[in-house]
């Protein structure tokens, strides 16, 4: 790559970065979006097989208030189901 082309590319990237920094400085916070968790859950089940892991995680985040891991009550296969307590966003927030 010729030096002139490299320097022009660096100058363009620096200008782009400066513009983005300025836009960010003047930008306000994004407005909060209310999500009906039940509607989201229904839609999620329809799309589940076509979603990536990241998309699933982002869709599940507003549905789940907390996940608690409990001490095992028994030994054996399937014990993890007894240890995971998922508290939904629309339910009472248990402490």
N, C-alpha and C. Protein backbone atom coordinates (compact mmCIF):
# COMPACT_ATOMS: atom_id res chain seq x y z
N UNK A 1 0.85 -1.17 0.00
CA UNK A 1 0.00 0.00 0.00
C UNK A 1 0.90 1.23 0.00
N UNK A 2 0.66 2.14 -0.88
CA UNK A 2 1.47 3.37 -0.92
C UNK A 2 1.23 4.21 0.34
N UNK A 3 2.27 4.94 0.72
CA UNK A 3 2.19 5.77 1.93
C UNK A 3 1.03 6.77 1.85
N UNK A 4 0.82 7.35 0.70
CA UNK A 4 -0.24 8.35 0.55
C UNK A 4 -1.62 7.71 0.79
N UNK A 5 -1.82 6.52 0.30
CA UNK A 5 -3.11 5.83 0.50
C UNK A 5 -3.30 5.49 1.97
N UNK A 6 -2.22 5.03 2.61
CA UNK A 6 -2.29 4.70 4.04
C UNK A 6 -2.62 5.94 4.85
N UNK A 7 -1.94 7.02 4.60
CA UNK A 7 -2.17 8.27 5.34
C UNK A 7 -3.58 8.80 5.10
N UNK A 8 -4.08 8.67 3.89
CA UNK A 8 -5.45 9.11 3.60
C UNK A 8 -6.46 8.25 4.35
N UNK A 9 -6.22 6.96 4.41
CA UNK A 9 -7.12 6.06 5.13
C UNK A 9 -7.12 6.37 6.62
N UNK A 10 -5.94 6.61 7.20
CA UNK A 10 -5.84 6.95 8.61
C UNK A 10 -6.55 8.27 8.88
N UNK A 11 -6.36 9.25 8.03
CA UNK A 11 -7.02 10.55 8.20
C UNK A 11 -8.54 10.39 8.14
N UNK A 12 -9.02 9.57 7.22
CA UNK A 12 -10.47 9.35 7.11
C UNK A 12 -11.01 8.65 8.36
N UNK A 13 -10.31 7.64 8.84
CA UNK A 13 -10.74 6.94 10.05
C UNK A 13 -10.72 7.86 11.26
N UNK A 14 -9.70 8.70 11.38
CA UNK A 14 -9.63 9.66 12.49
C UNK A 14 -10.80 10.64 12.42
N UNK A 15 -11.12 11.10 11.23
CA UNK A 15 -12.26 12.02 11.07
C UNK A 15 -13.57 11.33 11.42
N UNK A 16 -13.73 10.10 10.98
CA UNK A 16 -14.95 9.34 11.31
C UNK A 16 -15.07 9.15 12.82
N UNK A 17 -13.96 8.80 13.47
CA UNK A 17 -13.97 8.60 14.91
C UNK A 17 -14.32 9.89 15.64
N UNK A 18 -13.75 11.00 15.23
CA UNK A 18 -14.04 12.28 15.86
C UNK A 18 -15.52 12.63 15.72
N UNK A 19 -16.08 12.37 14.55
CA UNK A 19 -17.51 12.62 14.34
C UNK A 19 -18.38 11.75 15.23
N UNK A 20 -18.02 10.49 15.38
CA UNK A 20 -18.79 9.58 16.23
C UNK A 20 -18.68 9.96 17.70
N UNK A 21 -17.50 10.36 18.12
CA UNK A 21 -17.32 10.80 19.51
C UNK A 21 -18.19 12.02 19.78
N UNK A 22 -18.22 12.94 18.85
CA UNK A 22 -19.05 14.14 19.01
C UNK A 22 -20.54 13.79 19.05
N UNK A 23 -20.98 12.88 18.20
CA UNK A 23 -22.38 12.46 18.22
C UNK A 23 -22.73 11.80 19.54
N UNK A 24 -21.82 10.98 20.05
CA UNK A 24 -22.07 10.29 21.31
C UNK A 24 -22.15 11.29 22.46
N UNK A 25 -21.33 12.31 22.42
CA UNK A 25 -21.33 13.31 23.48
C UNK A 25 -22.67 14.05 23.55
N UNK A 26 -23.31 14.26 22.41
CA UNK A 26 -24.57 15.00 22.38
C UNK A 26 -25.80 14.09 22.43
N UNK A 27 -25.60 12.81 22.35
CA UNK A 27 -26.73 11.88 22.34
C UNK A 27 -27.28 11.70 23.75
N UNK A 28 -28.58 11.59 23.83
CA UNK A 28 -29.23 11.33 25.11
C UNK A 28 -29.38 9.83 25.31
N UNK A 29 -29.81 9.45 26.49
CA UNK A 29 -30.02 8.03 26.74
C UNK A 29 -31.18 7.49 25.89
N UNK A 30 -31.07 6.24 25.55
CA UNK A 30 -32.15 5.61 24.78
C UNK A 30 -33.38 5.49 25.66
N UNK A 31 -34.55 5.76 25.10
CA UNK A 31 -35.77 5.65 25.91
C UNK A 31 -36.03 4.20 26.33
N UNK A 32 -36.54 4.05 27.53
CA UNK A 32 -36.86 2.71 28.02
C UNK A 32 -38.04 2.16 27.22
N UNK A 33 -37.96 0.91 26.88
CA UNK A 33 -39.00 0.25 26.12
C UNK A 33 -39.71 -0.74 27.04
N UNK A 34 -41.00 -0.57 27.18
CA UNK A 34 -41.77 -1.50 28.00
C UNK A 34 -42.00 -2.78 27.20
N UNK A 35 -41.75 -3.90 27.83
CA UNK A 35 -41.91 -5.20 27.19
C UNK A 35 -42.93 -5.99 27.98
N UNK A 36 -43.94 -6.51 27.28
CA UNK A 36 -44.89 -7.41 27.93
C UNK A 36 -44.24 -8.79 27.94
N UNK A 37 -43.79 -9.25 29.11
CA UNK A 37 -43.04 -10.50 29.15
C UNK A 37 -43.81 -11.70 28.63
N UNK A 38 -45.11 -11.73 28.83
CA UNK A 38 -45.89 -12.88 28.37
C UNK A 38 -45.95 -12.93 26.85
N UNK A 39 -46.13 -11.77 26.22
CA UNK A 39 -46.14 -11.73 24.75
C UNK A 39 -44.77 -12.12 24.20
N UNK A 40 -43.72 -11.64 24.86
CA UNK A 40 -42.38 -11.98 24.43
C UNK A 40 -42.13 -13.49 24.55
N UNK A 41 -42.62 -14.09 25.62
CA UNK A 41 -42.44 -15.54 25.82
C UNK A 41 -43.14 -16.33 24.72
N UNK A 42 -44.34 -15.91 24.36
CA UNK A 42 -45.07 -16.60 23.29
C UNK A 42 -44.31 -16.48 21.98
N UNK A 43 -43.86 -15.29 21.66
CA UNK A 43 -43.12 -15.07 20.41
C UNK A 43 -41.81 -15.85 20.42
N UNK A 44 -41.18 -15.91 21.58
CA UNK A 44 -39.91 -16.62 21.71
C UNK A 44 -40.06 -18.10 21.40
N UNK A 45 -41.13 -18.71 21.87
CA UNK A 45 -41.33 -20.14 21.59
C UNK A 45 -41.56 -20.38 20.10
N UNK A 46 -42.16 -19.41 19.41
CA UNK A 46 -42.38 -19.56 17.97
C UNK A 46 -41.07 -19.48 17.19
N UNK A 47 -40.12 -18.68 17.67
CA UNK A 47 -38.89 -18.43 16.93
C UNK A 47 -37.68 -19.22 17.43
N UNK A 48 -37.81 -19.95 18.52
CA UNK A 48 -36.67 -20.52 19.25
C UNK A 48 -35.68 -21.26 18.35
N UNK A 49 -36.16 -22.11 17.47
CA UNK A 49 -35.26 -22.93 16.65
C UNK A 49 -34.46 -22.11 15.64
N UNK A 50 -34.94 -20.92 15.30
CA UNK A 50 -34.27 -20.10 14.29
C UNK A 50 -33.35 -19.04 14.89
N UNK A 51 -33.30 -18.93 16.21
CA UNK A 51 -32.52 -17.87 16.86
C UNK A 51 -31.12 -18.34 17.22
N UNK A 52 -30.18 -17.39 17.22
CA UNK A 52 -28.83 -17.68 17.69
C UNK A 52 -28.82 -17.65 19.21
N UNK A 53 -27.73 -18.10 19.81
CA UNK A 53 -27.61 -18.09 21.27
C UNK A 53 -27.69 -16.66 21.80
N UNK A 54 -27.04 -15.74 21.14
CA UNK A 54 -27.05 -14.34 21.59
C UNK A 54 -28.47 -13.77 21.50
N UNK A 55 -29.18 -14.07 20.43
CA UNK A 55 -30.55 -13.59 20.30
C UNK A 55 -31.44 -14.18 21.39
N UNK A 56 -31.25 -15.46 21.69
CA UNK A 56 -32.03 -16.09 22.76
C UNK A 56 -31.74 -15.41 24.10
N UNK A 57 -30.47 -15.17 24.37
CA UNK A 57 -30.08 -14.53 25.62
C UNK A 57 -30.71 -13.14 25.73
N UNK A 58 -30.65 -12.37 24.66
CA UNK A 58 -31.21 -11.02 24.69
C UNK A 58 -32.73 -11.03 24.84
N UNK A 59 -33.39 -12.03 24.29
CA UNK A 59 -34.84 -12.13 24.44
C UNK A 59 -35.24 -12.64 25.82
N UNK A 60 -34.42 -13.51 26.40
CA UNK A 60 -34.74 -14.05 27.73
C UNK A 60 -34.48 -13.05 28.85
N UNK A 61 -33.55 -12.14 28.64
CA UNK A 61 -33.15 -11.20 29.69
C UNK A 61 -34.34 -10.45 30.30
N UNK A 62 -35.26 -9.88 29.53
CA UNK A 62 -36.38 -9.18 30.18
C UNK A 62 -37.43 -10.11 30.79
N UNK A 63 -37.35 -11.40 30.50
CA UNK A 63 -38.32 -12.35 31.04
C UNK A 63 -37.93 -12.89 32.41
N UNK A 64 -36.64 -12.87 32.71
CA UNK A 64 -36.15 -13.52 33.93
C UNK A 64 -35.67 -12.46 34.92
N UNK A 65 -36.28 -12.49 36.11
CA UNK A 65 -35.85 -11.57 37.16
C UNK A 65 -34.59 -12.09 37.83
N UNK A 66 -34.58 -13.37 38.14
CA UNK A 66 -33.43 -13.97 38.84
C UNK A 66 -33.43 -15.48 38.62
N UNK A 67 -32.25 -16.05 38.64
CA UNK A 67 -32.08 -17.51 38.64
C UNK A 67 -31.32 -17.85 39.91
N UNK A 68 -31.93 -18.68 40.74
CA UNK A 68 -31.28 -19.10 41.98
C UNK A 68 -30.84 -20.56 41.85
N UNK A 69 -29.65 -20.84 42.31
CA UNK A 69 -29.13 -22.21 42.34
C UNK A 69 -29.20 -22.67 43.80
N UNK A 70 -29.93 -23.73 44.03
CA UNK A 70 -30.17 -24.24 45.37
C UNK A 70 -29.27 -25.43 45.66
N UNK A 71 -29.14 -25.76 46.93
CA UNK A 71 -28.39 -26.95 47.32
C UNK A 71 -29.16 -28.18 46.87
N UNK A 72 -28.44 -29.22 46.43
CA UNK A 72 -29.15 -30.42 45.96
C UNK A 72 -29.88 -31.12 47.12
N UNK A 73 -31.13 -31.50 46.85
CA UNK A 73 -31.92 -32.21 47.86
C UNK A 73 -31.69 -33.72 47.77
N UNK A 74 -31.15 -34.16 46.62
CA UNK A 74 -30.94 -35.59 46.43
C UNK A 74 -29.78 -35.80 45.46
N UNK A 75 -29.34 -36.99 45.34
CA UNK A 75 -28.30 -37.39 44.40
C UNK A 75 -28.96 -38.03 43.19
N UNK A 76 -28.30 -37.99 42.06
CA UNK A 76 -28.80 -38.76 40.93
C UNK A 76 -29.03 -37.95 39.68
N UNK A 77 -29.56 -38.66 38.70
CA UNK A 77 -29.80 -38.09 37.38
C UNK A 77 -30.95 -37.09 37.44
N UNK A 78 -30.80 -35.97 36.73
CA UNK A 78 -31.85 -34.96 36.67
C UNK A 78 -31.91 -34.06 37.89
N UNK A 79 -30.90 -34.15 38.76
CA UNK A 79 -30.92 -33.37 39.99
C UNK A 79 -30.84 -31.88 39.72
N UNK A 80 -30.28 -31.48 38.59
CA UNK A 80 -30.16 -30.06 38.30
C UNK A 80 -31.52 -29.38 38.23
N UNK A 81 -32.55 -30.11 37.80
CA UNK A 81 -33.89 -29.51 37.72
C UNK A 81 -34.40 -29.10 39.11
N UNK A 82 -33.99 -29.84 40.12
CA UNK A 82 -34.39 -29.53 41.49
C UNK A 82 -33.58 -28.37 42.06
N UNK A 83 -32.44 -28.07 41.46
CA UNK A 83 -31.55 -27.04 42.00
C UNK A 83 -31.73 -25.68 41.36
N UNK A 84 -32.40 -25.59 40.24
CA UNK A 84 -32.54 -24.32 39.53
C UNK A 84 -33.93 -23.76 39.78
N UNK A 85 -33.96 -22.53 40.29
CA UNK A 85 -35.21 -21.83 40.58
C UNK A 85 -35.22 -20.55 39.75
N UNK A 86 -36.04 -20.51 38.70
CA UNK A 86 -36.13 -19.35 37.83
C UNK A 86 -37.29 -18.48 38.30
N UNK A 87 -37.00 -17.23 38.58
CA UNK A 87 -38.01 -16.28 39.04
C UNK A 87 -38.34 -15.36 37.86
N UNK A 88 -39.57 -15.44 37.33
CA UNK A 88 -39.91 -14.65 36.16
C UNK A 88 -40.04 -13.16 36.49
N UNK A 89 -39.90 -12.34 35.47
CA UNK A 89 -39.98 -10.89 35.65
C UNK A 89 -41.36 -10.43 36.08
N UNK A 90 -42.39 -11.16 35.70
CA UNK A 90 -43.75 -10.73 36.02
C UNK A 90 -44.24 -11.27 37.36
N UNK A 91 -43.46 -12.13 37.99
CA UNK A 91 -43.86 -12.70 39.27
C UNK A 91 -43.34 -11.85 40.43
N UNK A 92 -43.69 -12.23 41.65
CA UNK A 92 -43.17 -11.50 42.80
C UNK A 92 -41.66 -11.69 42.91
N UNK A 93 -40.96 -10.62 43.19
CA UNK A 93 -39.50 -10.67 43.30
C UNK A 93 -39.12 -11.23 44.66
N UNK A 94 -38.86 -12.52 44.67
CA UNK A 94 -38.49 -13.18 45.93
C UNK A 94 -37.07 -12.82 46.29
N UNK A 95 -36.82 -12.65 47.54
CA UNK A 95 -35.48 -12.27 48.01
C UNK A 95 -34.68 -13.48 48.22
